[in-house]
Amino acid sequence: MTTELADSVRKYRRRAGMSQEELAHAAGVSPGTVRKVEQGGTVRMETLHAPPGYPGMRRTLR
């Protein structure tokens, strides 16, 4: 995973005033997945997608 994507997810989450747990719940993934993405870890491509209701983010978690 790129640092750019990790930084984008973190920046989006913080701008939205969300915790990792809140973003995970909204995206339908575990908090561990959000942590992994924000740390630049590897996740499946199927996990990455822009969920409805978050138009300000081109890519985030599913």
C-alpha atoms as a PDB file:
ATOM      1  CA  MET A   1       0.000   0.000   0.000  1.00  0.00           C
ATOM      2  CA  THR A   2       1.253   3.462  -0.790  1.00  0.00           C
ATOM      3  CA  THR A   3       2.055   6.060   1.805  1.00  0.00           C
ATOM      4  CA  GLU A   4      -0.087   8.463  -0.225  1.00  0.00           C
ATOM      5  CA  LEU A   5      -3.199   6.325   0.279  1.00  0.00           C
ATOM      6  CA  ALA A   6      -2.440   5.843   3.970  1.00  0.00           C
ATOM      7  CA  ASP A   7      -2.017   9.598   4.423  1.00  0.00           C
ATOM      8  CA  SER A   8      -5.214  10.317   2.483  1.00  0.00           C
ATOM      9  CA  VAL A   9      -7.319   7.968   4.590  1.00  0.00           C
ATOM     10  CA  ARG A  10      -5.913   9.388   7.826  1.00  0.00           C
ATOM     11  CA  LYS A  11      -6.375  12.991   6.647  1.00  0.00           C
ATOM     12  CA  TYR A  12      -9.960  12.323   5.536  1.00  0.00           C
ATOM     13  CA  ARG A  13     -10.837  10.599   8.809  1.00  0.00           C
ATOM     14  CA  ARG A  14      -9.410  13.408  10.906  1.00  0.00           C
ATOM     15  CA  ARG A  15     -11.108  16.091   8.813  1.00  0.00           C
ATOM     16  CA  ALA A  16     -14.393  14.243   9.273  1.00  0.00           C
ATOM     17  CA  GLY A  17     -13.768  14.209  13.034  1.00  0.00           C
ATOM     18  CA  MET A  18     -13.964  10.419  13.127  1.00  0.00           C
ATOM     19  CA  SER A  19     -12.076   7.896  15.180  1.00  0.00           C
ATOM     20  CA  GLN A  20     -10.635   4.826  13.488  1.00  0.00           C
ATOM     21  CA  GLU A  21     -13.467   2.841  15.060  1.00  0.00           C
ATOM     22  CA  GLU A  22     -16.100   5.213  13.654  1.00  0.00           C
ATOM     23  CA  LEU A  23     -14.621   5.071  10.154  1.00  0.00           C
ATOM     24  CA  ALA A  24     -14.411   1.296  10.371  1.00  0.00           C
ATOM     25  CA  HIS A  25     -18.081   1.069  11.365  1.00  0.00           C
ATOM     26  CA  ALA A  26     -19.148   3.462   8.582  1.00  0.00           C
ATOM     27  CA  ALA A  27     -17.090   1.554   6.002  1.00  0.00           C
ATOM     28  CA  GLY A  28     -18.131  -1.902   7.194  1.00  0.00           C
ATOM     29  CA  VAL A  29     -14.645  -3.087   8.106  1.00  0.00           C
ATOM     30  CA  SER A  30     -12.842  -3.805  11.352  1.00  0.00           C
ATOM     31  CA  PRO A  31     -10.928  -1.103  13.226  1.00  0.00           C
ATOM     32  CA  GLY A  32      -7.826  -3.230  12.648  1.00  0.00           C
ATOM     33  CA  THR A  33      -8.261  -2.812   8.900  1.00  0.00           C
ATOM     34  CA  VAL A  34      -8.428   0.979   9.251  1.00  0.00           C
ATOM     35  CA  ARG A  35      -5.285   0.912  11.420  1.00  0.00           C
ATOM     36  CA  LYS A  36      -3.509  -1.291   8.892  1.00  0.00           C
ATOM     37  CA  VAL A  37      -4.381   1.035   6.002  1.00  0.00           C
ATOM     38  CA  GLU A  38      -3.312   4.136   7.932  1.00  0.00           C
ATOM     39  CA  GLN A  39       0.009   2.462   8.747  1.00  0.00           C
ATOM     40  CA  GLY A  40       0.590   1.610   5.085  1.00  0.00           C
ATOM     41  CA  GLY A  41      -0.082  -2.093   5.509  1.00  0.00           C
ATOM     42  CA  THR A  42      -1.346  -4.483   2.880  1.00  0.00           C
ATOM     43  CA  VAL A  43      -5.073  -5.023   2.384  1.00  0.00           C
ATOM     44  CA  ARG A  44      -6.982  -6.738  -0.403  1.00  0.00           C
ATOM     45  CA  MET A  45      -7.984  -4.581  -3.344  1.00  0.00           C
ATOM     46  CA  GLU A  46     -11.621  -5.599  -2.749  1.00  0.00           C
ATOM     47  CA  THR A  47     -11.379  -3.809   0.597  1.00  0.00           C
ATOM     48  CA  LEU A  48     -10.580  -0.472  -1.045  1.00  0.00           C
ATOM     49  CA  HIS A  49     -13.561   1.415  -2.389  1.00  0.00           C
ATOM     50  CA  ALA A  50     -15.498   4.633  -1.835  1.00  0.00           C
ATOM     51  CA  PRO A  51     -18.562   3.856   0.269  1.00  0.00           C
ATOM     52  CA  PRO A  52     -21.791   5.793  -0.293  1.00  0.00           C
ATOM     53  CA  GLY A  53     -22.170   8.867   1.862  1.00  0.00           C
ATOM     54  CA  TYR A  54     -18.503   9.860   1.763  1.00  0.00           C
ATOM     55  CA  PRO A  55     -18.253  11.929  -1.441  1.00  0.00           C
ATOM     56  CA  GLY A  56     -15.178  13.856  -0.269  1.00  0.00           C
ATOM     57  CA  MET A  57     -13.022  10.727  -0.414  1.00  0.00           C
ATOM     58  CA  ARG A  58     -12.201   9.157  -3.744  1.00  0.00           C
ATOM     59  CA  ARG A  59     -10.942   5.964  -2.146  1.00  0.00           C
ATOM     60  CA  THR A  60     -11.436   4.586   1.289  1.00  0.00           C
ATOM     61  CA  LEU A  61     -12.308   1.302   2.894  1.00  0.00           C
ATOM     62  CA  ARG A  62     -15.132  -1.067   2.323  1.00  0.00           C
END
